[in-house]
Amino acid sequence: MGVSSRGIGREQVQELVRTEQAQLVEVLSAAAFEALHLPDAINIPLTDLDKKEADRLDRSRPIIAYCYDYQ
Protein backbone atom coordinates (compact mmCIF):
# COMPACT_ATOMS: atom_id res chain seq x y z
CA MET A 1 0.00 0.00 0.00
CA GLY A 2 1.40 3.38 -0.97
CA VAL A 3 1.62 6.36 1.32
CA SER A 4 0.26 9.69 0.23
CA SER A 5 0.52 13.02 1.99
CA ARG A 6 -1.33 16.12 0.91
CA GLY A 7 -3.35 19.00 2.25
CA ILE A 8 -7.11 18.71 1.99
CA GLY A 9 -10.04 20.97 2.78
CA ARG A 10 -12.95 20.67 5.19
CA GLU A 11 -15.32 19.21 2.58
CA GLN A 12 -12.81 16.53 1.63
CA VAL A 13 -12.30 15.61 5.28
CA GLN A 14 -16.04 15.26 5.82
CA GLU A 15 -16.37 13.15 2.66
CA LEU A 16 -13.51 10.82 3.62
CA VAL A 17 -14.89 10.35 7.12
CA ARG A 18 -18.39 9.67 5.78
CA THR A 19 -17.59 7.43 2.82
CA GLU A 20 -14.32 5.74 3.77
CA GLN A 21 -14.42 5.89 7.58
CA ALA A 22 -11.23 7.94 7.65
CA GLN A 23 -9.44 8.16 10.98
CA LEU A 24 -8.82 11.62 12.41
CA VAL A 25 -5.56 12.00 14.31
CA GLU A 26 -4.90 15.20 16.28
CA VAL A 27 -1.13 15.66 16.66
CA LEU A 28 -1.08 18.46 19.25
CA SER A 29 -0.54 17.89 22.96
CA ALA A 30 -3.03 16.03 25.15
CA ALA A 31 -4.03 19.33 26.81
CA ALA A 32 -4.78 20.94 23.45
CA PHE A 33 -6.70 17.83 22.40
CA GLU A 34 -8.86 17.97 25.54
CA ALA A 35 -9.57 21.66 24.98
CA LEU A 36 -10.79 21.27 21.41
CA HIS A 37 -10.81 18.40 18.94
CA LEU A 38 -12.96 17.03 16.15
CA PRO A 39 -15.59 14.42 17.07
CA ASP A 40 -14.21 10.85 17.07
CA ALA A 41 -10.62 12.03 16.65
CA ILE A 42 -7.82 10.28 18.50
CA ASN A 43 -4.82 12.02 19.99
CA ILE A 44 -1.27 11.05 19.13
CA PRO A 45 0.95 14.05 19.94
CA LEU A 46 3.58 14.59 17.29
CA THR A 47 6.27 14.32 19.99
CA ASP A 48 4.99 10.80 20.81
CA LEU A 49 4.45 9.58 17.26
CA ASP A 50 6.46 6.43 16.80
CA LYS A 51 5.85 2.93 15.44
CA LYS A 52 4.03 1.79 18.58
CA GLU A 53 1.61 4.73 18.45
CA ALA A 54 1.20 4.44 14.67
CA ASP A 55 0.26 0.77 15.12
CA ARG A 56 -2.94 1.96 16.86
CA LEU A 57 -4.21 3.06 13.45
CA ASP A 58 -6.08 0.90 10.95
CA ARG A 59 -3.95 1.10 7.82
CA SER A 60 -6.77 -0.18 5.64
CA ARG A 61 -8.61 3.12 6.21
CA PRO A 62 -7.50 6.64 5.29
CA ILE A 63 -5.68 8.51 8.05
CA ILE A 64 -6.10 12.27 8.35
CA ALA A 65 -3.55 13.87 10.66
CA TYR A 66 -4.30 17.42 11.66
CA CYS A 67 -3.38 20.03 14.21
CA TYR A 68 -5.62 22.81 15.30
CA ASP A 69 -3.38 25.74 16.14
CA TYR A 70 -5.38 28.88 16.78
CA GLN A 71 -2.38 31.10 17.61
PDB file of N, CA and C in Angstrom:
ATOM      1  N   MET A   1       0.841  -1.165   0.000  1.00  0.00           N
ATOM      2  CA  MET A   1       0.000   0.000   0.000  1.00  0.00           C
ATOM      3  C   MET A   1       0.887   1.228   0.000  1.00  0.00           C
ATOM      4  N   GLY A   2       0.620   2.160  -0.893  1.00  0.00           N
ATOM      5  CA  GLY A   2       1.397   3.381  -0.974  1.00  0.00           C
ATOM      6  C   GLY A   2       0.998   4.385   0.087  1.00  0.00           C
ATOM      7  N   VAL A   3       1.880   5.306   0.343  1.00  0.00           N
ATOM      8  CA  VAL A   3       1.622   6.357   1.316  1.00  0.00           C
ATOM      9  C   VAL A   3       1.510   7.671   0.567  1.00  0.00           C
ATOM     10  N   SER A   4       0.476   8.415   0.879  1.00  0.00           N
ATOM     11  CA  SER A   4       0.256   9.690   0.226  1.00  0.00           C
ATOM     12  C   SER A   4       0.079  10.764   1.287  1.00  0.00           C
ATOM     13  N   SER A   5       0.667  11.904   1.069  1.00  0.00           N
ATOM     14  CA  SER A   5       0.519  13.017   1.994  1.00  0.00           C
ATOM     15  C   SER A   5       0.169  14.256   1.192  1.00  0.00           C
ATOM     16  N   ARG A   6      -0.919  14.906   1.597  1.00  0.00           N
ATOM     17  CA  ARG A   6      -1.326  16.123   0.906  1.00  0.00           C
ATOM     18  C   ARG A   6      -2.282  16.897   1.792  1.00  0.00           C
ATOM     19  N   GLY A   7      -2.391  18.176   1.525  1.00  0.00           N
ATOM     20  CA  GLY A   7      -3.350  18.999   2.248  1.00  0.00           C
ATOM     21  C   GLY A   7      -4.729  18.832   1.636  1.00  0.00           C
ATOM     22  N   ILE A   8      -5.746  18.815   2.478  1.00  0.00           N
ATOM     23  CA  ILE A   8      -7.112  18.709   1.991  1.00  0.00           C
ATOM     24  C   ILE A   8      -7.994  19.693   2.752  1.00  0.00           C
ATOM     25  N   GLY A   9      -9.124  20.016   2.174  1.00  0.00           N
ATOM     26  CA  GLY A   9     -10.043  20.968   2.777  1.00  0.00           C
ATOM     27  C   GLY A   9     -11.112  20.304   3.627  1.00  0.00           C
ATOM     28  N   ARG A  10     -11.894  21.133   4.281  1.00  0.00           N
ATOM     29  CA  ARG A  10     -12.946  20.666   5.187  1.00  0.00           C
ATOM     30  C   ARG A  10     -13.918  19.714   4.502  1.00  0.00           C
ATOM     31  N   GLU A  11     -14.363  20.060   3.295  1.00  0.00           N
ATOM     32  CA  GLU A  11     -15.320  19.209   2.585  1.00  0.00           C
ATOM     33  C   GLU A  11     -14.732  17.838   2.277  1.00  0.00           C
ATOM     34  N   GLN A  12     -13.466  17.812   1.908  1.00  0.00           N
ATOM     35  CA  GLN A  12     -12.807  16.534   1.627  1.00  0.00           C
ATOM     36  C   GLN A  12     -12.675  15.689   2.890  1.00  0.00           C
ATOM     37  N   VAL A  13     -12.383  16.330   4.010  1.00  0.00           N
ATOM     38  CA  VAL A  13     -12.299  15.607   5.280  1.00  0.00           C
ATOM     39  C   VAL A  13     -13.648  14.977   5.604  1.00  0.00           C
ATOM     40  N   GLN A  14     -14.705  15.772   5.519  1.00  0.00           N
ATOM     41  CA  GLN A  14     -16.044  15.260   5.816  1.00  0.00           C
ATOM     42  C   GLN A  14     -16.414  14.107   4.897  1.00  0.00           C
ATOM     43  N   GLU A  15     -16.075  14.213   3.628  1.00  0.00           N
ATOM     44  CA  GLU A  15     -16.373  13.152   2.663  1.00  0.00           C
ATOM     45  C   GLU A  15     -15.607  11.875   2.990  1.00  0.00           C
ATOM     46  N   LEU A  16     -14.312  11.995   3.291  1.00  0.00           N
ATOM     47  CA  LEU A  16     -13.507  10.816   3.619  1.00  0.00           C
ATOM     48  C   LEU A  16     -13.986  10.146   4.906  1.00  0.00           C
ATOM     49  N   VAL A  17     -14.383  10.928   5.878  1.00  0.00           N
ATOM     50  CA  VAL A  17     -14.892  10.349   7.125  1.00  0.00           C
ATOM     51  C   VAL A  17     -16.211   9.627   6.849  1.00  0.00           C
ATOM     52  N   ARG A  18     -17.075  10.253   6.062  1.00  0.00           N
ATOM     53  CA  ARG A  18     -18.391   9.669   5.784  1.00  0.00           C
ATOM     54  C   ARG A  18     -18.321   8.438   4.883  1.00  0.00           C
ATOM     55  N   THR A  19     -17.560   8.506   3.814  1.00  0.00           N
ATOM     56  CA  THR A  19     -17.589   7.431   2.819  1.00  0.00           C
ATOM     57  C   THR A  19     -16.525   6.352   3.023  1.00  0.00           C
ATOM     58  N   GLU A  20     -15.406   6.711   3.639  1.00  0.00           N
ATOM     59  CA  GLU A  20     -14.319   5.743   3.774  1.00  0.00           C
ATOM     60  C   GLU A  20     -13.912   5.510   5.224  1.00  0.00           C
ATOM     61  N   GLN A  21     -14.695   6.028   6.152  1.00  0.00           N
ATOM     62  CA  GLN A  21     -14.416   5.887   7.579  1.00  0.00           C
ATOM     63  C   GLN A  21     -12.985   6.296   7.921  1.00  0.00           C
ATOM     64  N   ALA A  22     -12.573   7.441   7.374  1.00  0.00           N
ATOM     65  CA  ALA A  22     -11.228   7.940   7.646  1.00  0.00           C
ATOM     66  C   ALA A  22     -11.033   8.154   9.137  1.00  0.00           C
ATOM     67  N   GLN A  23      -9.807   7.962   9.588  1.00  0.00           N
ATOM     68  CA  GLN A  23      -9.438   8.159  10.983  1.00  0.00           C
ATOM     69  C   GLN A  23      -8.853   9.555  11.147  1.00  0.00           C
ATOM     70  N   LEU A  24      -9.321  10.284  12.129  1.00  0.00           N
ATOM     71  CA  LEU A  24      -8.816  11.619  12.410  1.00  0.00           C
ATOM     72  C   LEU A  24      -7.812  11.537  13.552  1.00  0.00           C
ATOM     73  N   VAL A  25      -6.619  12.050  13.309  1.00  0.00           N
ATOM     74  CA  VAL A  25      -5.560  11.996  14.309  1.00  0.00           C
ATOM     75  C   VAL A  25      -5.085  13.419  14.600  1.00  0.00           C
ATOM     76  N   GLU A  26      -5.363  13.892  15.812  1.00  0.00           N
ATOM     77  CA  GLU A  26      -4.900  15.203  16.276  1.00  0.00           C
ATOM     78  C   GLU A  26      -3.489  15.034  16.795  1.00  0.00           C
ATOM     79  N   VAL A  27      -2.537  15.845  16.290  1.00  0.00           N
ATOM     80  CA  VAL A  27      -1.131  15.663  16.663  1.00  0.00           C
ATOM     81  C   VAL A  27      -0.615  16.700  17.659  1.00  0.00           C
ATOM     82  N   LEU A  28      -1.506  17.526  18.210  1.00  0.00           N
ATOM     83  CA  LEU A  28      -1.085  18.457  19.251  1.00  0.00           C
ATOM     84  C   LEU A  28      -1.049  17.748  20.605  1.00  0.00           C
ATOM     85  N   SER A  29      -0.657  18.460  21.620  1.00  0.00           N
ATOM     86  CA  SER A  29      -0.538  17.889  22.964  1.00  0.00           C
ATOM     87  C   SER A  29      -1.877  17.392  23.486  1.00  0.00           C
ATOM     88  N   ALA A  30      -1.809  16.557  24.520  1.00  0.00           N
ATOM     89  CA  ALA A  30      -3.026  16.034  25.146  1.00  0.00           C
ATOM     90  C   ALA A  30      -3.890  17.166  25.691  1.00  0.00           C
ATOM     91  N   ALA A  31      -3.267  18.188  26.265  1.00  0.00           N
ATOM     92  CA  ALA A  31      -4.026  19.325  26.806  1.00  0.00           C
ATOM     93  C   ALA A  31      -4.778  20.054  25.695  1.00  0.00           C
ATOM     94  N   ALA A  32      -4.116  20.275  24.577  1.00  0.00           N
ATOM     95  CA  ALA A  32      -4.775  20.936  23.450  1.00  0.00           C
ATOM     96  C   ALA A  32      -5.895  20.064  22.901  1.00  0.00           C
ATOM     97  N   PHE A  33      -5.683  18.763  22.869  1.00  0.00           N
ATOM     98  CA  PHE A  33      -6.703  17.833  22.399  1.00  0.00           C
ATOM     99  C   PHE A  33      -7.933  17.905  23.299  1.00  0.00           C
ATOM    100  N   GLU A  34      -7.727  17.913  24.609  1.00  0.00           N
ATOM    101  CA  GLU A  34      -8.856  17.973  25.543  1.00  0.00           C
ATOM    102  C   GLU A  34      -9.628  19.278  25.389  1.00  0.00           C
ATOM    103  N   ALA A  35      -8.926  20.356  25.098  1.00  0.00           N
ATOM    104  CA  ALA A  35      -9.574  21.660  24.980  1.00  0.00           C
ATOM    105  C   ALA A  35     -10.465  21.738  23.749  1.00  0.00           C
ATOM    106  N   LEU A  36     -10.028  21.151  22.653  1.00  0.00           N
ATOM    107  CA  LEU A  36     -10.790  21.272  21.414  1.00  0.00           C
ATOM    108  C   LEU A  36     -10.285  20.252  20.398  1.00  0.00           C
ATOM    109  N   HIS A  37     -11.165  19.366  19.978  1.00  0.00           N
ATOM    110  CA  HIS A  37     -10.807  18.400  18.937  1.00  0.00           C
ATOM    111  C   HIS A  37     -12.053  18.025  18.141  1.00  0.00           C
ATOM    112  N   LEU A  38     -11.847  17.461  16.991  1.00  0.00           N
ATOM    113  CA  LEU A  38     -12.956  17.028  16.150  1.00  0.00           C
ATOM    114  C   LEU A  38     -13.602  15.782  16.743  1.00  0.00           C
ATOM    115  N   PRO A  39     -14.910  15.615  16.562  1.00  0.00           N
ATOM    116  CA  PRO A  39     -15.586  14.416  17.072  1.00  0.00           C
ATOM    117  C   PRO A  39     -14.932  13.141  16.534  1.00  0.00           C
ATOM    118  N   ASP A  40     -14.772  12.170  17.390  1.00  0.00           N
ATOM    119  CA  ASP A  40     -14.213  10.848  17.066  1.00  0.00           C
ATOM    120  C   ASP A  40     -12.727  10.853  16.723  1.00  0.00           C
ATOM    121  N   ALA A  41     -12.059  11.985  16.895  1.00  0.00           N
ATOM    122  CA  ALA A  41     -10.616  12.031  16.649  1.00  0.00           C
ATOM    123  C   ALA A  41      -9.882  11.318  17.781  1.00  0.00           C
ATOM    124  N   ILE A  42      -8.688  10.825  17.465  1.00  0.00           N
ATOM    125  CA  ILE A  42      -7.819  10.278  18.499  1.00  0.00           C
ATOM    126  C   ILE A  42      -6.610  11.197  18.620  1.00  0.00           C
ATOM    127  N   ASN A  43      -5.963  11.150  19.743  1.00  0.00           N
ATOM    128  CA  ASN A  43      -4.820  12.021  19.989  1.00  0.00           C
ATOM    129  C   ASN A  43      -3.536  11.212  20.000  1.00  0.00           C
ATOM    130  N   ILE A  44      -2.637  11.571  19.105  1.00  0.00           N
ATOM    131  CA  ILE A  44      -1.267  11.052  19.128  1.00  0.00           C
ATOM    132  C   ILE A  44      -0.379  12.278  18.951  1.00  0.00           C
ATOM    133  N   PRO A  45       0.098  12.860  20.066  1.00  0.00           N
ATOM    134  CA  PRO A  45       0.949  14.046  19.940  1.00  0.00           C
ATOM    135  C   PRO A  45       2.146  13.773  19.035  1.00  0.00           C
ATOM    136  N   LEU A  46       2.482  14.743  18.232  1.00  0.00           N
ATOM    137  CA  LEU A  46       3.584  14.586  17.292  1.00  0.00           C
ATOM    138  C   LEU A  46       4.865  14.174  18.013  1.00  0.00           C
ATOM    139  N   THR A  47       5.062  14.678  19.229  1.00  0.00           N
ATOM    140  CA  THR A  47       6.269  14.318  19.987  1.00  0.00           C
ATOM    141  C   THR A  47       6.266  12.858  20.421  1.00  0.00           C
ATOM    142  N   ASP A  48       5.102  12.206  20.416  1.00  0.00           N
ATOM    143  CA  ASP A  48       4.987  10.803  20.814  1.00  0.00           C
ATOM    144  C   ASP A  48       4.819   9.857  19.630  1.00  0.00           C
ATOM    145  N   LEU A  49       4.739  10.405  18.439  1.00  0.00           N
ATOM    146  CA  LEU A  49       4.451   9.580  17.264  1.00  0.00           C
ATOM    147  C   LEU A  49       5.646   8.696  16.936  1.00  0.00           C
ATOM    148  N   ASP A  50       5.451   7.418  17.125  1.00  0.00           N
ATOM    149  CA  ASP A  50       6.464   6.429  16.801  1.00  0.00           C
ATOM    150  C   ASP A  50       5.748   5.191  16.283  1.00  0.00           C
ATOM    151  N   LYS A  51       6.466   4.130  16.009  1.00  0.00           N
ATOM    152  CA  LYS A  51       5.854   2.933  15.440  1.00  0.00           C
ATOM    153  C   LYS A  51       4.769   2.366  16.351  1.00  0.00           C
ATOM    154  N   LYS A  52       5.019   2.333  17.650  1.00  0.00           N
ATOM    155  CA  LYS A  52       4.028   1.790  18.585  1.00  0.00           C
ATOM    156  C   LYS A  52       2.723   2.580  18.503  1.00  0.00           C
ATOM    157  N   GLU A  53       2.812   3.901  18.522  1.00  0.00           N
ATOM    158  CA  GLU A  53       1.611   4.735  18.451  1.00  0.00           C
ATOM    159  C   GLU A  53       0.948   4.606  17.078  1.00  0.00           C
ATOM    160  N   ALA A  54       1.745   4.570  16.026  1.00  0.00           N
ATOM    161  CA  ALA A  54       1.198   4.438  14.674  1.00  0.00           C
ATOM    162  C   ALA A  54       0.480   3.110  14.491  1.00  0.00           C
ATOM    163  N   ASP A  55       0.900   2.082  15.221  1.00  0.00           N
ATOM    164  CA  ASP A  55       0.256   0.772  15.121  1.00  0.00           C
ATOM    165  C   ASP A  55      -1.176   0.780  15.664  1.00  0.00           C
ATOM    166  N   ARG A  56      -1.563   1.832  16.385  1.00  0.00           N
ATOM    167  CA  ARG A  56      -2.944   1.965  16.859  1.00  0.00           C
ATOM    168  C   ARG A  56      -3.913   2.239  15.706  1.00  0.00           C
ATOM    169  N   LEU A  57      -3.378   2.663  14.585  1.00  0.00           N
ATOM    170  CA  LEU A  57      -4.208   3.064  13.445  1.00  0.00           C
ATOM    171  C   LEU A  57      -4.501   1.887  12.526  1.00  0.00           C
ATOM    172  N   ASP A  58      -5.668   1.920  11.917  1.00  0.00           N
ATOM    173  CA  ASP A  58      -6.085   0.897  10.951  1.00  0.00           C
ATOM    174  C   ASP A  58      -5.585   1.337   9.573  1.00  0.00           C
ATOM    175  N   ARG A  59      -4.570   0.680   9.086  1.00  0.00           N
ATOM    176  CA  ARG A  59      -3.949   1.095   7.819  1.00  0.00           C
ATOM    177  C   ARG A  59      -4.785   0.771   6.589  1.00  0.00           C
ATOM    178  N   SER A  60      -5.887   0.082   6.789  1.00  0.00           N
ATOM    179  CA  SER A  60      -6.767  -0.185   5.644  1.00  0.00           C
ATOM    180  C   SER A  60      -7.741   0.973   5.404  1.00  0.00           C
ATOM    181  N   ARG A  61      -7.748   1.941   6.325  1.00  0.00           N
ATOM    182  CA  ARG A  61      -8.615   3.117   6.206  1.00  0.00           C
ATOM    183  C   ARG A  61      -7.751   4.364   6.068  1.00  0.00           C
ATOM    184  N   PRO A  62      -8.262   5.393   5.392  1.00  0.00           N
ATOM    185  CA  PRO A  62      -7.498   6.643   5.294  1.00  0.00           C
ATOM    186  C   PRO A  62      -7.221   7.224   6.683  1.00  0.00           C
ATOM    187  N   ILE A  63      -6.076   7.867   6.808  1.00  0.00           N
ATOM    188  CA  ILE A  63      -5.680   8.515   8.054  1.00  0.00           C
ATOM    189  C   ILE A  63      -5.508   9.999   7.755  1.00  0.00           C
ATOM    190  N   ILE A  64      -6.211  10.823   8.513  1.00  0.00           N
ATOM    191  CA  ILE A  64      -6.100  12.269   8.351  1.00  0.00           C
ATOM    192  C   ILE A  64      -5.475  12.819   9.628  1.00  0.00           C
ATOM    193  N   ALA A  65      -4.230  13.254   9.520  1.00  0.00           N
ATOM    194  CA  ALA A  65      -3.546  13.870  10.656  1.00  0.00           C
ATOM    195  C   ALA A  65      -3.750  15.372  10.547  1.00  0.00           C
ATOM    196  N   TYR A  66      -4.076  15.984  11.675  1.00  0.00           N
ATOM    197  CA  TYR A  66      -4.299  17.425  11.664  1.00  0.00           C
ATOM    198  C   TYR A  66      -3.838  18.019  12.982  1.00  0.00           C
ATOM    199  N   CYS A  67      -3.642  19.321  12.962  1.00  0.00           N
ATOM    200  CA  CYS A  67      -3.378  20.027  14.210  1.00  0.00           C
ATOM    201  C   CYS A  67      -4.124  21.333  14.156  1.00  0.00           C
ATOM    202  N   TYR A  68      -4.868  21.580  15.193  1.00  0.00           N
ATOM    203  CA  TYR A  68      -5.623  22.807  15.300  1.00  0.00           C
ATOM    204  C   TYR A  68      -4.794  23.767  16.116  1.00  0.00           C
ATOM    205  N   ASP A  69      -4.226  24.755  15.455  1.00  0.00           N
ATOM    206  CA  ASP A  69      -3.385  25.740  16.135  1.00  0.00           C
ATOM    207  C   ASP A  69      -4.007  27.097  15.909  1.00  0.00           C
ATOM    208  N   TYR A  70      -4.643  27.620  16.906  1.00  0.00           N
ATOM    209  CA  TYR A  70      -5.376  28.879  16.778  1.00  0.00           C
ATOM    210  C   TYR A  70      -4.526  30.104  17.063  1.00  0.00           C
ATOM    211  N   GLN A  71      -3.248  29.958  17.287  1.00  0.00           N
ATOM    212  CA  GLN A  71      -2.381  31.098  17.614  1.00  0.00           C
ATOM    213  C   GLN A  71      -2.056  31.898  16.392  1.00  0.00           C
TER     214      GLN A  71
END
